[in-house]
Amino acid sequence: MADTRYWNDNVARQALSDKGRAVYERIRGELTGQQGVVAIEPESGAYFVGPTLGEANDAAYKEYPDQWVYFVWIDDPTADIALPTW
């Protein structure tokens, strides 16, 4: 089960998002020309690209089940969210 503290602890959730955002900024150049969503596991820096949130999540879930992942829409990096894989 994913760490439930992120549901209620906004400080912890923001820290997770900040780590995910930092990874995104590091890999941004590698995503040039791609579309869809990137799912980032903030602790490892692993990332998974899919045409939809569901497909990016599925790829992340295979490696990191029940972990919180930071999702970013590649064509609109201001659209982001931290969620547990499902």
N, C-alpha and C. Protein backbone atom coordinates (compact mmCIF):
# COMPACT_ATOMS: atom_id res chain seq x y z
N MET A 1 0.83 -1.18 0.00
CA MET A 1 0.00 0.00 0.00
C MET A 1 0.88 1.25 0.00
N ALA A 2 0.50 2.23 -0.78
CA ALA A 2 1.25 3.48 -0.87
C ALA A 2 1.24 4.20 0.48
N ASP A 3 2.29 4.94 0.73
CA ASP A 3 2.44 5.70 1.98
C ASP A 3 1.28 6.70 2.10
N THR A 4 0.43 6.50 3.08
CA THR A 4 -0.77 7.32 3.21
C THR A 4 -0.50 8.72 3.77
N ARG A 5 0.68 8.97 4.30
CA ARG A 5 0.94 10.29 4.87
C ARG A 5 0.84 11.39 3.81
N TYR A 6 1.10 11.04 2.56
CA TYR A 6 1.04 12.06 1.52
C TYR A 6 -0.38 12.55 1.27
N TRP A 7 -1.38 11.77 1.61
CA TRP A 7 -2.77 12.22 1.45
C TRP A 7 -3.07 13.39 2.37
N ASN A 8 -2.56 13.34 3.59
CA ASN A 8 -2.93 14.32 4.60
C ASN A 8 -1.85 15.32 4.95
N ASP A 9 -0.61 15.04 4.62
CA ASP A 9 0.50 15.90 4.99
C ASP A 9 0.94 16.71 3.77
N ASN A 10 0.46 17.94 3.69
CA ASN A 10 0.76 18.77 2.52
C ASN A 10 2.23 19.10 2.40
N VAL A 11 2.94 19.19 3.52
CA VAL A 11 4.38 19.47 3.48
C VAL A 11 5.12 18.29 2.84
N ALA A 12 4.78 17.08 3.27
CA ALA A 12 5.41 15.88 2.71
C ALA A 12 5.06 15.73 1.23
N ARG A 13 3.81 16.02 0.89
CA ARG A 13 3.38 15.90 -0.50
C ARG A 13 4.10 16.93 -1.37
N GLN A 14 4.29 18.14 -0.84
CA GLN A 14 5.01 19.17 -1.60
C GLN A 14 6.47 18.78 -1.79
N ALA A 15 7.07 18.19 -0.76
CA ALA A 15 8.47 17.74 -0.87
C ALA A 15 8.60 16.66 -1.95
N LEU A 16 7.64 15.74 -2.00
CA LEU A 16 7.63 14.71 -3.03
C LEU A 16 7.49 15.35 -4.41
N SER A 17 6.59 16.30 -4.53
CA SER A 17 6.41 16.99 -5.81
C SER A 17 7.67 17.75 -6.21
N ASP A 18 8.33 18.38 -5.24
CA ASP A 18 9.56 19.11 -5.54
C ASP A 18 10.65 18.17 -6.07
N LYS A 19 10.76 16.98 -5.47
CA LYS A 19 11.73 15.99 -5.97
C LYS A 19 11.38 15.56 -7.38
N GLY A 20 10.09 15.32 -7.62
CA GLY A 20 9.65 14.93 -8.96
C GLY A 20 9.91 16.02 -9.97
N ARG A 21 9.66 17.25 -9.60
CA ARG A 21 9.89 18.39 -10.49
C ARG A 21 11.38 18.51 -10.82
N ALA A 22 12.25 18.29 -9.82
CA ALA A 22 13.70 18.37 -10.04
C ALA A 22 14.15 17.30 -11.04
N VAL A 23 13.59 16.09 -10.92
CA VAL A 23 13.93 15.03 -11.89
C VAL A 23 13.43 15.44 -13.27
N TYR A 24 12.21 15.96 -13.33
CA TYR A 24 11.66 16.39 -14.62
C TYR A 24 12.58 17.42 -15.28
N GLU A 25 13.04 18.39 -14.52
CA GLU A 25 13.91 19.42 -15.09
C GLU A 25 15.21 18.81 -15.61
N ARG A 26 15.71 17.77 -14.95
CA ARG A 26 16.93 17.09 -15.38
C ARG A 26 16.74 16.32 -16.69
N ILE A 27 15.55 15.72 -16.87
CA ILE A 27 15.31 14.86 -18.04
C ILE A 27 14.56 15.57 -19.15
N ARG A 28 14.18 16.79 -18.94
CA ARG A 28 13.34 17.52 -19.89
C ARG A 28 13.85 17.43 -21.33
N GLY A 29 15.15 17.57 -21.52
CA GLY A 29 15.73 17.51 -22.87
C GLY A 29 15.53 16.16 -23.53
N GLU A 30 15.50 15.10 -22.75
CA GLU A 30 15.30 13.75 -23.29
C GLU A 30 13.87 13.55 -23.79
N LEU A 31 12.96 14.41 -23.36
CA LEU A 31 11.55 14.25 -23.72
C LEU A 31 11.15 15.08 -24.94
N THR A 32 12.09 15.82 -25.49
CA THR A 32 11.82 16.66 -26.65
C THR A 32 11.23 15.82 -27.78
N GLY A 33 10.12 16.31 -28.33
CA GLY A 33 9.48 15.62 -29.43
C GLY A 33 8.48 14.56 -29.01
N GLN A 34 8.45 14.23 -27.73
CA GLN A 34 7.49 13.23 -27.25
C GLN A 34 6.21 13.92 -26.79
N GLN A 35 5.14 13.17 -26.76
CA GLN A 35 3.85 13.68 -26.28
C GLN A 35 3.32 12.73 -25.23
N GLY A 36 2.40 13.22 -24.43
CA GLY A 36 1.77 12.38 -23.43
C GLY A 36 2.16 12.79 -22.03
N VAL A 37 2.36 11.79 -21.20
CA VAL A 37 2.59 12.01 -19.77
C VAL A 37 3.85 11.26 -19.36
N VAL A 38 4.63 11.88 -18.49
CA VAL A 38 5.77 11.21 -17.90
C VAL A 38 5.46 10.97 -16.43
N ALA A 39 5.68 9.73 -15.99
CA ALA A 39 5.51 9.35 -14.59
C ALA A 39 6.92 9.22 -14.00
N ILE A 40 7.16 9.94 -12.92
CA ILE A 40 8.50 9.97 -12.32
C ILE A 40 8.43 9.42 -10.91
N GLU A 41 9.27 8.42 -10.63
CA GLU A 41 9.41 7.93 -9.26
C GLU A 41 10.51 8.79 -8.64
N PRO A 42 10.13 9.73 -7.74
CA PRO A 42 11.06 10.75 -7.28
C PRO A 42 12.29 10.24 -6.53
N GLU A 43 12.19 9.17 -5.80
CA GLU A 43 13.32 8.69 -5.01
C GLU A 43 14.43 8.11 -5.89
N SER A 44 14.06 7.35 -6.90
CA SER A 44 15.05 6.70 -7.77
C SER A 44 15.41 7.55 -8.99
N GLY A 45 14.49 8.42 -9.38
CA GLY A 45 14.69 9.19 -10.60
C GLY A 45 14.22 8.46 -11.85
N ALA A 46 13.70 7.24 -11.68
CA ALA A 46 13.19 6.48 -12.82
C ALA A 46 11.96 7.19 -13.39
N TYR A 47 11.83 7.11 -14.71
CA TYR A 47 10.65 7.73 -15.32
C TYR A 47 10.12 6.86 -16.45
N PHE A 48 8.84 7.06 -16.73
CA PHE A 48 8.10 6.25 -17.68
C PHE A 48 7.21 7.17 -18.49
N VAL A 49 7.24 7.04 -19.81
CA VAL A 49 6.46 7.90 -20.68
C VAL A 49 5.33 7.08 -21.29
N GLY A 50 4.15 7.66 -21.34
CA GLY A 50 3.01 7.03 -21.97
C GLY A 50 2.15 8.07 -22.65
N PRO A 51 1.37 7.68 -23.64
CA PRO A 51 0.51 8.64 -24.33
C PRO A 51 -0.62 9.17 -23.44
N THR A 52 -0.94 8.43 -22.37
CA THR A 52 -1.98 8.87 -21.44
C THR A 52 -1.48 8.68 -20.01
N LEU A 53 -2.16 9.31 -19.08
CA LEU A 53 -1.83 9.14 -17.67
C LEU A 53 -1.92 7.67 -17.29
N GLY A 54 -2.95 6.99 -17.74
CA GLY A 54 -3.13 5.58 -17.42
C GLY A 54 -1.99 4.71 -17.91
N GLU A 55 -1.51 4.96 -19.11
CA GLU A 55 -0.42 4.15 -19.66
C GLU A 55 0.92 4.47 -18.98
N ALA A 56 1.15 5.74 -18.66
CA ALA A 56 2.36 6.10 -17.91
C ALA A 56 2.31 5.47 -16.52
N ASN A 57 1.13 5.49 -15.91
CA ASN A 57 0.94 4.87 -14.60
C ASN A 57 1.19 3.37 -14.67
N ASP A 58 0.64 2.71 -15.67
CA ASP A 58 0.81 1.26 -15.81
C ASP A 58 2.29 0.89 -15.89
N ALA A 59 3.05 1.66 -16.66
CA ALA A 59 4.49 1.39 -16.79
C ALA A 59 5.20 1.60 -15.45
N ALA A 60 4.84 2.67 -14.74
CA ALA A 60 5.46 2.95 -13.43
C ALA A 60 5.06 1.88 -12.41
N TYR A 61 3.82 1.45 -12.47
CA TYR A 61 3.31 0.46 -11.51
C TYR A 61 4.06 -0.87 -11.62
N LYS A 62 4.44 -1.24 -12.85
CA LYS A 62 5.17 -2.50 -13.04
C LYS A 62 6.48 -2.51 -12.26
N GLU A 63 7.14 -1.37 -12.17
CA GLU A 63 8.42 -1.27 -11.46
C GLU A 63 8.26 -0.81 -10.01
N TYR A 64 7.25 0.03 -9.76
CA TYR A 64 7.08 0.64 -8.44
C TYR A 64 5.62 0.54 -7.99
N PRO A 65 5.14 -0.66 -7.73
CA PRO A 65 3.74 -0.80 -7.30
C PRO A 65 3.52 -0.11 -5.96
N ASP A 66 2.39 0.53 -5.86
CA ASP A 66 1.97 1.18 -4.62
C ASP A 66 2.95 2.23 -4.11
N GLN A 67 3.62 2.91 -5.03
CA GLN A 67 4.49 4.03 -4.67
C GLN A 67 3.87 5.32 -5.19
N TRP A 68 4.22 6.41 -4.55
CA TRP A 68 3.79 7.71 -5.05
C TRP A 68 4.66 8.09 -6.23
N VAL A 69 4.03 8.61 -7.26
CA VAL A 69 4.70 8.97 -8.49
C VAL A 69 4.28 10.39 -8.86
N TYR A 70 5.20 11.11 -9.44
CA TYR A 70 4.94 12.48 -9.89
C TYR A 70 4.65 12.43 -11.39
N PHE A 71 3.50 12.90 -11.79
CA PHE A 71 3.08 12.88 -13.20
C PHE A 71 3.15 14.29 -13.77
N VAL A 72 3.68 14.39 -15.00
CA VAL A 72 3.75 15.67 -15.71
C VAL A 72 3.28 15.45 -17.14
N TRP A 73 2.43 16.33 -17.62
CA TRP A 73 2.01 16.30 -19.02
C TRP A 73 3.11 16.96 -19.83
N ILE A 74 3.69 16.24 -20.77
CA ILE A 74 4.86 16.71 -21.50
C ILE A 74 4.56 17.98 -22.28
N ASP A 75 3.40 18.07 -22.90
CA ASP A 75 3.10 19.25 -23.70
C ASP A 75 2.64 20.44 -22.85
N ASP A 76 2.43 20.22 -21.54
CA ASP A 76 2.07 21.31 -20.62
C ASP A 76 2.67 21.00 -19.25
N PRO A 77 3.96 21.27 -19.06
CA PRO A 77 4.61 20.90 -17.82
C PRO A 77 4.07 21.60 -16.57
N THR A 78 3.17 22.60 -16.77
CA THR A 78 2.54 23.21 -15.59
C THR A 78 1.42 22.32 -15.07
N ALA A 79 1.01 21.35 -15.88
CA ALA A 79 -0.01 20.38 -15.47
C ALA A 79 0.69 19.19 -14.84
N ASP A 80 0.69 19.13 -13.52
CA ASP A 80 1.39 18.06 -12.83
C ASP A 80 0.61 17.67 -11.58
N ILE A 81 0.90 16.47 -11.08
CA ILE A 81 0.23 15.98 -9.89
C ILE A 81 1.02 14.81 -9.31
N ALA A 82 1.00 14.69 -8.01
CA ALA A 82 1.62 13.54 -7.34
C ALA A 82 0.48 12.61 -6.90
N LEU A 83 0.56 11.35 -7.30
CA LEU A 83 -0.45 10.34 -6.98
C LEU A 83 0.23 9.01 -6.72
N PRO A 84 -0.43 8.13 -5.96
CA PRO A 84 0.11 6.78 -5.84
C PRO A 84 -0.20 6.00 -7.12
N THR A 85 0.69 5.06 -7.47
CA THR A 85 0.38 4.20 -8.61
C THR A 85 -0.79 3.33 -8.22
N TRP A 86 -1.60 2.93 -9.21
CA TRP A 86 -2.78 2.11 -8.93
C TRP A 86 -2.97 1.08 -10.00
